[in-house]
């Protein structure tokens, strides 16, 4: 049985991002999965800077659950908000390798 999940948040639709964050948060909080990785990629990055509820989920993942959500450095640098994402406790990295490596390690990708 696979017990590792990679939650990729790439949508700019608030409801989809919140759904993915709710799953990731609860999967960690209630030990539904042994390992949970979260990646913000594309429009979800900008949305996370504006939406207080999304920021609340991200803060809970970082502060209370010890997760290290990653966010795409390339896009953040291009759009000029890398510092703001890092200040939220997000790991600003090039996510292409991170996603590929996680899949190779047996993480099941869930894309929202």
PDB file of N, CA and C in Angstrom:
ATOM      1  N   UNK A   1       0.841  -1.184   0.000  1.00  0.00           N
ATOM      2  CA  UNK A   1       0.000   0.000   0.000  1.00  0.00           C
ATOM      3  C   UNK A   1       0.883   1.244   0.000  1.00  0.00           C
ATOM      4  N   UNK A   2       0.519   2.195  -0.823  1.00  0.00           N
ATOM      5  CA  UNK A   2       1.281   3.431  -0.899  1.00  0.00           C
ATOM      6  C   UNK A   2       0.746   4.413   0.132  1.00  0.00           C
ATOM      7  N   UNK A   3       1.621   4.968   0.937  1.00  0.00           N
ATOM      8  CA  UNK A   3       1.197   5.892   1.988  1.00  0.00           C
ATOM      9  C   UNK A   3       1.937   7.220   1.924  1.00  0.00           C
ATOM     10  N   UNK A   4       2.295   7.619   0.696  1.00  0.00           N
ATOM     11  CA  UNK A   4       2.967   8.896   0.471  1.00  0.00           C
ATOM     12  C   UNK A   4       2.212   9.651  -0.613  1.00  0.00           C
ATOM     13  N   UNK A   5       1.892  10.908  -0.334  1.00  0.00           N
ATOM     14  CA  UNK A   5       1.130  11.698  -1.297  1.00  0.00           C
ATOM     15  C   UNK A   5       1.812  13.044  -1.536  1.00  0.00           C
ATOM     16  N   UNK A   6       1.765  13.466  -2.784  1.00  0.00           N
ATOM     17  CA  UNK A   6       2.291  14.751  -3.214  1.00  0.00           C
ATOM     18  C   UNK A   6       1.109  15.600  -3.660  1.00  0.00           C
ATOM     19  N   UNK A   7       0.776  16.612  -2.878  1.00  0.00           N
ATOM     20  CA  UNK A   7      -0.350  17.488  -3.191  1.00  0.00           C
ATOM     21  C   UNK A   7       0.201  18.666  -3.987  1.00  0.00           C
ATOM     22  N   UNK A   8      -0.189  18.741  -5.256  1.00  0.00           N
ATOM     23  CA  UNK A   8       0.257  19.817  -6.132  1.00  0.00           C
ATOM     24  C   UNK A   8      -0.904  20.790  -6.320  1.00  0.00           C
ATOM     25  N   UNK A   9      -0.700  22.013  -5.877  1.00  0.00           N
ATOM     26  CA  UNK A   9      -1.711  23.055  -5.982  1.00  0.00           C
ATOM     27  C   UNK A   9      -1.302  23.978  -7.129  1.00  0.00           C
ATOM     28  N   UNK A  10      -1.974  23.829  -8.259  1.00  0.00           N
ATOM     29  CA  UNK A  10      -1.590  24.620  -9.425  1.00  0.00           C
ATOM     30  C   UNK A  10      -2.722  25.508  -9.926  1.00  0.00           C
ATOM     31  N   UNK A  11      -3.886  25.382  -9.348  1.00  0.00           N
ATOM     32  CA  UNK A  11      -5.042  26.138  -9.805  1.00  0.00           C
ATOM     33  C   UNK A  11      -5.041  27.564  -9.262  1.00  0.00           C
ATOM     34  N   UNK A  12      -5.673  28.430  -9.984  1.00  0.00           N
ATOM     35  CA  UNK A  12      -5.922  29.778  -9.502  1.00  0.00           C
ATOM     36  C   UNK A  12      -7.308  29.895  -8.896  1.00  0.00           C
ATOM     37  N   UNK A  13      -8.036  28.766  -8.863  1.00  0.00           N
ATOM     38  CA  UNK A  13      -9.377  28.761  -8.290  1.00  0.00           C
ATOM     39  C   UNK A  13      -9.291  28.497  -6.791  1.00  0.00           C
ATOM     40  N   UNK A  14      -9.754  29.452  -6.034  1.00  0.00           N
ATOM     41  CA  UNK A  14      -9.670  29.414  -4.580  1.00  0.00           C
ATOM     42  C   UNK A  14     -10.200  28.098  -3.993  1.00  0.00           C
ATOM     43  N   UNK A  15     -11.369  27.667  -4.446  1.00  0.00           N
ATOM     44  CA  UNK A  15     -11.994  26.469  -3.894  1.00  0.00           C
ATOM     45  C   UNK A  15     -11.133  25.225  -4.106  1.00  0.00           C
ATOM     46  N   UNK A  16     -10.494  25.134  -5.241  1.00  0.00           N
ATOM     47  CA  UNK A  16      -9.633  23.977  -5.512  1.00  0.00           C
ATOM     48  C   UNK A  16      -8.402  23.983  -4.622  1.00  0.00           C
ATOM     49  N   UNK A  17      -7.799  25.144  -4.453  1.00  0.00           N
ATOM     50  CA  UNK A  17      -6.613  25.251  -3.608  1.00  0.00           C
ATOM     51  C   UNK A  17      -6.968  24.921  -2.163  1.00  0.00           C
ATOM     52  N   UNK A  18      -8.088  25.444  -1.678  1.00  0.00           N
ATOM     53  CA  UNK A  18      -8.508  25.160  -0.303  1.00  0.00           C
ATOM     54  C   UNK A  18      -8.791  23.674  -0.122  1.00  0.00           C
ATOM     55  N   UNK A  19      -9.414  23.043  -1.105  1.00  0.00           N
ATOM     56  CA  UNK A  19      -9.682  21.610  -1.024  1.00  0.00           C
ATOM     57  C   UNK A  19      -8.379  20.820  -0.888  1.00  0.00           C
ATOM     58  N   UNK A  20      -7.395  21.157  -1.698  1.00  0.00           N
ATOM     59  CA  UNK A  20      -6.100  20.475  -1.616  1.00  0.00           C
ATOM     60  C   UNK A  20      -5.415  20.704  -0.286  1.00  0.00           C
ATOM     61  N   UNK A  21      -5.474  21.934   0.211  1.00  0.00           N
ATOM     62  CA  UNK A  21      -4.859  22.243   1.501  1.00  0.00           C
ATOM     63  C   UNK A  21      -5.584  21.543   2.648  1.00  0.00           C
ATOM     64  N   UNK A  22      -6.904  21.465   2.571  1.00  0.00           N
ATOM     65  CA  UNK A  22      -7.663  20.751   3.602  1.00  0.00           C
ATOM     66  C   UNK A  22      -7.242  19.283   3.640  1.00  0.00           C
ATOM     67  N   UNK A  23      -7.132  18.674   2.458  1.00  0.00           N
ATOM     68  CA  UNK A  23      -6.716  17.271   2.427  1.00  0.00           C
ATOM     69  C   UNK A  23      -5.319  17.107   3.013  1.00  0.00           C
ATOM     70  N   UNK A  24      -4.375  17.920   2.563  1.00  0.00           N
ATOM     71  CA  UNK A  24      -2.992  17.804   3.046  1.00  0.00           C
ATOM     72  C   UNK A  24      -2.926  17.994   4.554  1.00  0.00           C
ATOM     73  N   UNK A  25      -3.621  18.993   5.056  1.00  0.00           N
ATOM     74  CA  UNK A  25      -3.628  19.277   6.491  1.00  0.00           C
ATOM     75  C   UNK A  25      -4.183  18.094   7.276  1.00  0.00           C
ATOM     76  N   UNK A  26      -5.325  17.588   6.860  1.00  0.00           N
ATOM     77  CA  UNK A  26      -5.947  16.480   7.578  1.00  0.00           C
ATOM     78  C   UNK A  26      -5.180  15.168   7.418  1.00  0.00           C
ATOM     79  N   UNK A  27      -4.573  14.964   6.260  1.00  0.00           N
ATOM     80  CA  UNK A  27      -3.771  13.748   6.057  1.00  0.00           C
ATOM     81  C   UNK A  27      -2.600  13.712   7.030  1.00  0.00           C
ATOM     82  N   UNK A  28      -2.018  14.872   7.302  1.00  0.00           N
ATOM     83  CA  UNK A  28      -0.930  14.954   8.293  1.00  0.00           C
ATOM     84  C   UNK A  28      -1.475  14.891   9.714  1.00  0.00           C
ATOM     85  N   UNK A  29      -2.486  15.700   9.991  1.00  0.00           N
ATOM     86  CA  UNK A  29      -3.031  15.812  11.343  1.00  0.00           C
ATOM     87  C   UNK A  29      -3.556  14.471  11.864  1.00  0.00           C
ATOM     88  N   UNK A  30      -4.225  13.716  11.004  1.00  0.00           N
ATOM     89  CA  UNK A  30      -4.861  12.475  11.422  1.00  0.00           C
ATOM     90  C   UNK A  30      -4.112  11.225  10.953  1.00  0.00           C
ATOM     91  N   UNK A  31      -2.897  11.433  10.460  1.00  0.00           N
ATOM     92  CA  UNK A  31      -2.029  10.324  10.019  1.00  0.00           C
ATOM     93  C   UNK A  31      -2.693   9.420   8.989  1.00  0.00           C
ATOM     94  N   UNK A  32      -3.426  10.033   8.061  1.00  0.00           N
ATOM     95  CA  UNK A  32      -3.997   9.256   6.971  1.00  0.00           C
ATOM     96  C   UNK A  32      -2.898   8.719   6.065  1.00  0.00           C
ATOM     97  N   UNK A  33      -1.824   9.491   5.959  1.00  0.00           N
ATOM     98  CA  UNK A  33      -0.676   9.119   5.149  1.00  0.00           C
ATOM     99  C   UNK A  33       0.584   9.263   5.987  1.00  0.00           C
ATOM    100  N   UNK A  34       1.573   8.442   5.665  1.00  0.00           N
ATOM    101  CA  UNK A  34       2.836   8.520   6.394  1.00  0.00           C
ATOM    102  C   UNK A  34       3.593   9.793   6.029  1.00  0.00           C
ATOM    103  N   UNK A  35       3.587  10.145   4.735  1.00  0.00           N
ATOM    104  CA  UNK A  35       4.288  11.341   4.277  1.00  0.00           C
ATOM    105  C   UNK A  35       3.379  12.141   3.351  1.00  0.00           C
ATOM    106  N   UNK A  36       3.411  13.458   3.536  1.00  0.00           N
ATOM    107  CA  UNK A  36       2.636  14.370   2.696  1.00  0.00           C
ATOM    108  C   UNK A  36       3.549  15.524   2.312  1.00  0.00           C
ATOM    109  N   UNK A  37       3.664  15.750   1.015  1.00  0.00           N
ATOM    110  CA  UNK A  37       4.396  16.915   0.507  1.00  0.00           C
ATOM    111  C   UNK A  37       3.403  17.808  -0.213  1.00  0.00           C
ATOM    112  N   UNK A  38       3.609  19.123  -0.077  1.00  0.00           N
ATOM    113  CA  UNK A  38       2.724  20.100  -0.709  1.00  0.00           C
ATOM    114  C   UNK A  38       3.568  21.011  -1.588  1.00  0.00           C
ATOM    115  N   UNK A  39       3.088  21.221  -2.823  1.00  0.00           N
ATOM    116  CA  UNK A  39       3.775  22.104  -3.770  1.00  0.00           C
ATOM    117  C   UNK A  39       2.764  23.103  -4.329  1.00  0.00           C
ATOM    118  N   UNK A  40       3.083  24.379  -4.215  1.00  0.00           N
ATOM    119  CA  UNK A  40       2.311  25.421  -4.874  1.00  0.00           C
ATOM    120  C   UNK A  40       3.030  25.764  -6.170  1.00  0.00           C
ATOM    121  N   UNK A  41       2.274  25.781  -7.255  1.00  0.00           N
ATOM    122  CA  UNK A  41       2.871  25.906  -8.577  1.00  0.00           C
ATOM    123  C   UNK A  41       1.951  26.742  -9.448  1.00  0.00           C
ATOM    124  N   UNK A  42       2.451  27.839  -9.968  1.00  0.00           N
ATOM    125  CA  UNK A  42       1.660  28.654 -10.886  1.00  0.00           C
ATOM    126  C   UNK A  42       0.676  29.560 -10.170  1.00  0.00           C
ATOM    127  N   UNK A  43      -0.575  29.622 -10.666  1.00  0.00           N
ATOM    128  CA  UNK A  43      -1.551  30.576 -10.141  1.00  0.00           C
ATOM    129  C   UNK A  43      -1.809  30.459  -8.637  1.00  0.00           C
ATOM    130  N   UNK A  44      -1.650  29.277  -8.073  1.00  0.00           N
ATOM    131  CA  UNK A  44      -1.896  29.116  -6.632  1.00  0.00           C
ATOM    132  C   UNK A  44      -0.913  29.925  -5.795  1.00  0.00           C
ATOM    133  N   UNK A  45       0.258  30.187  -6.339  1.00  0.00           N
ATOM    134  CA  UNK A  45       1.245  30.965  -5.600  1.00  0.00           C
ATOM    135  C   UNK A  45       0.739  32.384  -5.366  1.00  0.00           C
ATOM    136  N   UNK A  46       0.257  33.014  -6.413  1.00  0.00           N
ATOM    137  CA  UNK A  46      -0.246  34.382  -6.301  1.00  0.00           C
ATOM    138  C   UNK A  46      -1.487  34.423  -5.413  1.00  0.00           C
ATOM    139  N   UNK A  47      -2.350  33.425  -5.563  1.00  0.00           N
ATOM    140  CA  UNK A  47      -3.561  33.336  -4.758  1.00  0.00           C
ATOM    141  C   UNK A  47      -3.218  33.234  -3.275  1.00  0.00           C
ATOM    142  N   UNK A  48      -2.173  32.489  -2.952  1.00  0.00           N
ATOM    143  CA  UNK A  48      -1.794  32.316  -1.549  1.00  0.00           C
ATOM    144  C   UNK A  48      -1.337  33.618  -0.897  1.00  0.00           C
ATOM    145  N   UNK A  49      -0.895  34.560  -1.688  1.00  0.00           N
ATOM    146  CA  UNK A  49      -0.474  35.860  -1.147  1.00  0.00           C
ATOM    147  C   UNK A  49      -1.658  36.761  -0.818  1.00  0.00           C
ATOM    148  N   UNK A  50      -2.816  36.481  -1.401  1.00  0.00           N
ATOM    149  CA  UNK A  50      -3.970  37.357  -1.274  1.00  0.00           C
ATOM    150  C   UNK A  50      -5.051  36.825  -0.340  1.00  0.00           C
ATOM    151  N   UNK A  51      -5.121  35.516  -0.174  1.00  0.00           N
ATOM    152  CA  UNK A  51      -6.259  34.895   0.500  1.00  0.00           C
ATOM    153  C   UNK A  51      -5.909  34.500   1.930  1.00  0.00           C
ATOM    154  N   UNK A  52      -6.606  35.070   2.889  1.00  0.00           N
ATOM    155  CA  UNK A  52      -6.323  34.828   4.312  1.00  0.00           C
ATOM    156  C   UNK A  52      -6.609  33.385   4.725  1.00  0.00           C
ATOM    157  N   UNK A  53      -7.640  32.771   4.175  1.00  0.00           N
ATOM    158  CA  UNK A  53      -7.945  31.383   4.541  1.00  0.00           C
ATOM    159  C   UNK A  53      -6.855  30.444   4.046  1.00  0.00           C
ATOM    160  N   UNK A  54      -6.392  30.653   2.838  1.00  0.00           N
ATOM    161  CA  UNK A  54      -5.292  29.849   2.299  1.00  0.00           C
ATOM    162  C   UNK A  54      -4.043  30.062   3.150  1.00  0.00           C
ATOM    163  N   UNK A  55      -3.785  31.303   3.516  1.00  0.00           N
ATOM    164  CA  UNK A  55      -2.638  31.592   4.378  1.00  0.00           C
ATOM    165  C   UNK A  55      -2.766  30.873   5.713  1.00  0.00           C
ATOM    166  N   UNK A  56      -3.975  30.768   6.236  1.00  0.00           N
ATOM    167  CA  UNK A  56      -4.207  30.055   7.491  1.00  0.00           C
ATOM    168  C   UNK A  56      -3.852  28.578   7.387  1.00  0.00           C
ATOM    169  N   UNK A  57      -4.271  27.943   6.292  1.00  0.00           N
ATOM    170  CA  UNK A  57      -3.919  26.526   6.082  1.00  0.00           C
ATOM    171  C   UNK A  57      -2.412  26.352   5.944  1.00  0.00           C
ATOM    172  N   UNK A  58      -1.794  27.230   5.187  1.00  0.00           N
ATOM    173  CA  UNK A  58      -0.340  27.133   5.006  1.00  0.00           C
ATOM    174  C   UNK A  58       0.385  27.333   6.331  1.00  0.00           C
ATOM    175  N   UNK A  59      -0.084  28.279   7.124  1.00  0.00           N
ATOM    176  CA  UNK A  59       0.531  28.518   8.430  1.00  0.00           C
ATOM    177  C   UNK A  59       0.387  27.292   9.328  1.00  0.00           C
ATOM    178  N   UNK A  60      -0.781  26.665   9.311  1.00  0.00           N
ATOM    179  CA  UNK A  60      -0.989  25.457  10.114  1.00  0.00           C
ATOM    180  C   UNK A  60      -0.052  24.338   9.662  1.00  0.00           C
ATOM    181  N   UNK A  61       0.090  24.173   8.344  1.00  0.00           N
ATOM    182  CA  UNK A  61       1.004  23.149   7.830  1.00  0.00           C
ATOM    183  C   UNK A  61       2.422  23.385   8.326  1.00  0.00           C
ATOM    184  N   UNK A  62       2.859  24.632   8.282  1.00  0.00           N
ATOM    185  CA  UNK A  62       4.230  24.970   8.666  1.00  0.00           C
ATOM    186  C   UNK A  62       4.396  24.977  10.185  1.00  0.00           C
ATOM    187  N   UNK A  63       3.568  25.756  10.873  1.00  0.00           N
ATOM    188  CA  UNK A  63       3.762  26.013  12.298  1.00  0.00           C
ATOM    189  C   UNK A  63       3.340  24.857  13.198  1.00  0.00           C
ATOM    190  N   UNK A  64       2.214  24.237  12.876  1.00  0.00           N
ATOM    191  CA  UNK A  64       1.671  23.211  13.765  1.00  0.00           C
ATOM    192  C   UNK A  64       2.007  21.787  13.341  1.00  0.00           C
ATOM    193  N   UNK A  65       2.145  21.566  12.036  1.00  0.00           N
ATOM    194  CA  UNK A  65       2.330  20.201  11.556  1.00  0.00           C
ATOM    195  C   UNK A  65       3.744  19.928  11.055  1.00  0.00           C
ATOM    196  N   UNK A  66       4.595  20.937  11.066  1.00  0.00           N
ATOM    197  CA  UNK A  66       5.992  20.758  10.692  1.00  0.00           C
ATOM    198  C   UNK A  66       6.243  20.452   9.230  1.00  0.00           C
ATOM    199  N   UNK A  67       5.276  20.762   8.381  1.00  0.00           N
ATOM    200  CA  UNK A  67       5.451  20.542   6.945  1.00  0.00           C
ATOM    201  C   UNK A  67       6.296  21.666   6.352  1.00  0.00           C
ATOM    202  N   UNK A  68       6.841  21.423   5.184  1.00  0.00           N
ATOM    203  CA  UNK A  68       7.626  22.429   4.461  1.00  0.00           C
ATOM    204  C   UNK A  68       7.069  22.582   3.054  1.00  0.00           C
ATOM    205  N   UNK A  69       5.898  23.228   2.916  1.00  0.00           N
ATOM    206  CA  UNK A  69       5.350  23.398   1.572  1.00  0.00           C
ATOM    207  C   UNK A  69       6.358  24.102   0.664  1.00  0.00           C
ATOM    208  N   UNK A  70       6.449  23.618  -0.557  1.00  0.00           N
ATOM    209  CA  UNK A  70       7.363  24.197  -1.539  1.00  0.00           C
ATOM    210  C   UNK A  70       6.566  25.050  -2.520  1.00  0.00           C
ATOM    211  N   UNK A  71       7.226  26.049  -3.051  1.00  0.00           N
ATOM    212  CA  UNK A  71       6.613  26.910  -4.052  1.00  0.00           C
ATOM    213  C   UNK A  71       7.649  27.196  -5.140  1.00  0.00           C
ATOM    214  N   UNK A  72       7.189  27.346  -6.353  1.00  0.00           N
ATOM    215  CA  UNK A  72       8.081  27.425  -7.501  1.00  0.00           C
ATOM    216  C   UNK A  72       8.895  28.722  -7.529  1.00  0.00           C
ATOM    217  N   UNK A  73      10.196  28.579  -7.418  1.00  0.00           N
ATOM    218  CA  UNK A  73      11.116  29.714  -7.429  1.00  0.00           C
ATOM    219  C   UNK A  73      11.100  30.432  -8.772  1.00  0.00           C
ATOM    220  N   UNK A  74      11.080  29.683  -9.860  1.00  0.00           N
ATOM    221  CA  UNK A  74      11.117  30.308 -11.177  1.00  0.00           C
ATOM    222  C   UNK A  74       9.943  31.266 -11.361  1.00  0.00           C
ATOM    223  N   UNK A  75       8.746  30.777 -11.079  1.00  0.00           N
ATOM    224  CA  UNK A  75       7.562  31.622 -11.253  1.00  0.00           C
ATOM    225  C   UNK A  75       7.585  32.780 -10.261  1.00  0.00           C
ATOM    226  N   UNK A  76       7.933  32.489  -9.010  1.00  0.00           N
ATOM    227  CA  UNK A  76       7.968  33.545  -7.989  1.00  0.00           C
ATOM    228  C   UNK A  76       8.982  34.627  -8.344  1.00  0.00           C
ATOM    229  N   UNK A  77      10.139  34.218  -8.845  1.00  0.00           N
ATOM    230  CA  UNK A  77      11.139  35.199  -9.257  1.00  0.00           C
ATOM    231  C   UNK A  77      10.643  36.025 -10.446  1.00  0.00           C
ATOM    232  N   UNK A  78      10.017  35.365 -11.405  1.00  0.00           N
ATOM    233  CA  UNK A  78       9.510  36.067 -12.588  1.00  0.00           C
ATOM    234  C   UNK A  78       8.436  37.088 -12.219  1.00  0.00           C
ATOM    235  N   UNK A  79       7.600  36.721 -11.248  1.00  0.00           N
ATOM    236  CA  UNK A  79       6.499  37.593 -10.846  1.00  0.00           C
ATOM    237  C   UNK A  79       6.887  38.565  -9.725  1.00  0.00           C
ATOM    238  N   UNK A  80       8.063  38.351  -9.137  1.00  0.00           N
ATOM    239  CA  UNK A  80       8.564  39.276  -8.129  1.00  0.00           C
ATOM    240  C   UNK A  80       8.008  39.098  -6.725  1.00  0.00           C
ATOM    241  N   UNK A  81       7.602  37.865  -6.370  1.00  0.00           N
ATOM    242  CA  UNK A  81       7.086  37.682  -5.013  1.00  0.00           C
ATOM    243  C   UNK A  81       7.756  36.539  -4.246  1.00  0.00           C
ATOM    244  N   UNK A  82       8.998  36.239  -4.573  1.00  0.00           N
ATOM    245  CA  UNK A  82       9.736  35.188  -3.858  1.00  0.00           C
ATOM    246  C   UNK A  82       9.871  35.495  -2.372  1.00  0.00           C
ATOM    247  N   UNK A  83      10.236  36.719  -2.047  1.00  0.00           N
ATOM    248  CA  UNK A  83      10.446  37.106  -0.646  1.00  0.00           C
ATOM    249  C   UNK A  83       9.172  36.951   0.163  1.00  0.00           C
ATOM    250  N   UNK A  84       8.038  37.377  -0.394  1.00  0.00           N
ATOM    251  CA  UNK A  84       6.764  37.270   0.324  1.00  0.00           C
ATOM    252  C   UNK A  84       6.408  35.820   0.620  1.00  0.00           C
ATOM    253  N   UNK A  85       6.651  34.934  -0.342  1.00  0.00           N
ATOM    254  CA  UNK A  85       6.372  33.509  -0.123  1.00  0.00           C
ATOM    255  C   UNK A  85       7.305  32.925   0.928  1.00  0.00           C
ATOM    256  N   UNK A  86       8.568  33.293   0.877  1.00  0.00           N
ATOM    257  CA  UNK A  86       9.528  32.812   1.880  1.00  0.00           C
ATOM    258  C   UNK A  86       9.145  33.333   3.266  1.00  0.00           C
ATOM    259  N   UNK A  87       8.674  34.559   3.344  1.00  0.00           N
ATOM    260  CA  UNK A  87       8.259  35.138   4.624  1.00  0.00           C
ATOM    261  C   UNK A  87       7.059  34.401   5.221  1.00  0.00           C
ATOM    262  N   UNK A  88       6.287  33.714   4.373  1.00  0.00           N
ATOM    263  CA  UNK A  88       5.162  32.915   4.850  1.00  0.00           C
ATOM    264  C   UNK A  88       5.613  31.540   5.356  1.00  0.00           C
ATOM    265  N   UNK A  89       6.905  31.271   5.263  1.00  0.00           N
ATOM    266  CA  UNK A  89       7.421  29.985   5.723  1.00  0.00           C
ATOM    267  C   UNK A  89       7.473  28.922   4.640  1.00  0.00           C
ATOM    268  N   UNK A  90       7.248  29.342   3.393  1.00  0.00           N
ATOM    269  CA  UNK A  90       7.273  28.398   2.280  1.00  0.00           C
ATOM    270  C   UNK A  90       8.700  28.227   1.774  1.00  0.00           C
ATOM    271  N   UNK A  91       8.975  27.055   1.266  1.00  0.00           N
ATOM    272  CA  UNK A  91      10.282  26.710   0.732  1.00  0.00           C
ATOM    273  C   UNK A  91      10.287  27.090  -0.754  1.00  0.00           C
ATOM    274  N   UNK A  92      10.951  28.177  -1.107  1.00  0.00           N
ATOM    275  CA  UNK A  92      10.960  28.682  -2.483  1.00  0.00           C
ATOM    276  C   UNK A  92      12.097  27.995  -3.236  1.00  0.00           C
ATOM    277  N   UNK A  93      11.731  27.023  -4.089  1.00  0.00           N
ATOM    278  CA  UNK A  93      12.711  26.193  -4.801  1.00  0.00           C
ATOM    279  C   UNK A  93      12.217  25.924  -6.222  1.00  0.00           C
ATOM    280  N   UNK A  94      13.127  25.425  -7.044  1.00  0.00           N
ATOM    281  CA  UNK A  94      12.723  24.967  -8.371  1.00  0.00           C
ATOM    282  C   UNK A  94      12.010  23.635  -8.176  1.00  0.00           C
ATOM    283  N   UNK A  95      10.721  23.600  -8.474  1.00  0.00           N
ATOM    284  CA  UNK A  95       9.905  22.449  -8.096  1.00  0.00           C
ATOM    285  C   UNK A  95       9.873  21.315  -9.119  1.00  0.00           C
ATOM    286  N   UNK A  96      10.377  21.536 -10.312  1.00  0.00           N
ATOM    287  CA  UNK A  96      10.353  20.471 -11.317  1.00  0.00           C
ATOM    288  C   UNK A  96      11.077  19.221 -10.836  1.00  0.00           C
ATOM    289  N   UNK A  97      12.255  19.397 -10.306  1.00  0.00           N
ATOM    290  CA  UNK A  97      13.026  18.266  -9.788  1.00  0.00           C
ATOM    291  C   UNK A  97      12.354  17.680  -8.560  1.00  0.00           C
ATOM    292  N   UNK A  98      11.857  18.543  -7.681  1.00  0.00           N
ATOM    293  CA  UNK A  98      11.187  18.074  -6.473  1.00  0.00           C
ATOM    294  C   UNK A  98      10.006  17.175  -6.824  1.00  0.00           C
ATOM    295  N   UNK A  99       9.174  17.596  -7.756  1.00  0.00           N
ATOM    296  CA  UNK A  99       8.015  16.804  -8.173  1.00  0.00           C
ATOM    297  C   UNK A  99       8.462  15.491  -8.795  1.00  0.00           C
ATOM    298  N   UNK A 100       9.423  15.556  -9.704  1.00  0.00           N
ATOM    299  CA  UNK A 100       9.906  14.340 -10.378  1.00  0.00           C
ATOM    300  C   UNK A 100      10.505  13.355  -9.389  1.00  0.00           C
ATOM    301  N   UNK A 101      11.327  13.847  -8.469  1.00  0.00           N
ATOM    302  CA  UNK A 101      11.943  12.973  -7.473  1.00  0.00           C
ATOM    303  C   UNK A 101      10.902  12.347  -6.558  1.00  0.00           C
ATOM    304  N   UNK A 102       9.911  13.124  -6.157  1.00  0.00           N
ATOM    305  CA  UNK A 102       8.866  12.588  -5.278  1.00  0.00           C
ATOM    306  C   UNK A 102       8.106  11.455  -5.965  1.00  0.00           C
ATOM    307  N   UNK A 103       7.790  11.627  -7.225  1.00  0.00           N
ATOM    308  CA  UNK A 103       7.083  10.569  -7.960  1.00  0.00           C
ATOM    309  C   UNK A 103       7.961   9.325  -8.052  1.00  0.00           C
ATOM    310  N   UNK A 104       9.254   9.510  -8.339  1.00  0.00           N
ATOM    311  CA  UNK A 104      10.178   8.374  -8.394  1.00  0.00           C
ATOM    312  C   UNK A 104      10.284   7.660  -7.049  1.00  0.00           C
ATOM    313  N   UNK A 105      10.097   8.408  -5.952  1.00  0.00           N
ATOM    314  CA  UNK A 105      10.169   7.846  -4.608  1.00  0.00           C
ATOM    315  C   UNK A 105       8.857   7.189  -4.178  1.00  0.00           C
ATOM    316  N   UNK A 106       7.859   7.172  -5.068  1.00  0.00           N
ATOM    317  CA  UNK A 106       6.612   6.501  -4.761  1.00  0.00           C
ATOM    318  C   UNK A 106       5.497   7.387  -4.248  1.00  0.00           C
ATOM    319  N   UNK A 107       5.678   8.711  -4.262  1.00  0.00           N
ATOM    320  CA  UNK A 107       4.609   9.610  -3.867  1.00  0.00           C
ATOM    321  C   UNK A 107       3.534   9.613  -4.958  1.00  0.00           C
ATOM    322  N   UNK A 108       2.292   9.538  -4.552  1.00  0.00           N
ATOM    323  CA  UNK A 108       1.175   9.612  -5.483  1.00  0.00           C
ATOM    324  C   UNK A 108       0.782  11.085  -5.642  1.00  0.00           C
ATOM    325  N   UNK A 109       0.832  11.615  -6.863  1.00  0.00           N
ATOM    326  CA  UNK A 109       0.468  13.026  -7.045  1.00  0.00           C
ATOM    327  C   UNK A 109      -1.047  13.232  -7.061  1.00  0.00           C
ATOM    328  N   UNK A 110      -1.502  14.201  -6.282  1.00  0.00           N
ATOM    329  CA  UNK A 110      -2.876  14.677  -6.322  1.00  0.00           C
ATOM    330  C   UNK A 110      -2.789  16.125  -6.768  1.00  0.00           C
ATOM    331  N   UNK A 111      -3.430  16.452  -7.860  1.00  0.00           N
ATOM    332  CA  UNK A 111      -3.318  17.783  -8.431  1.00  0.00           C
ATOM    333  C   UNK A 111      -4.642  18.527  -8.281  1.00  0.00           C
ATOM    334  N   UNK A 112      -4.554  19.709  -7.683  1.00  0.00           N
ATOM    335  CA  UNK A 112      -5.720  20.552  -7.490  1.00  0.00           C
ATOM    336  C   UNK A 112      -5.510  21.864  -8.219  1.00  0.00           C
TER     337      UNK A 112
END
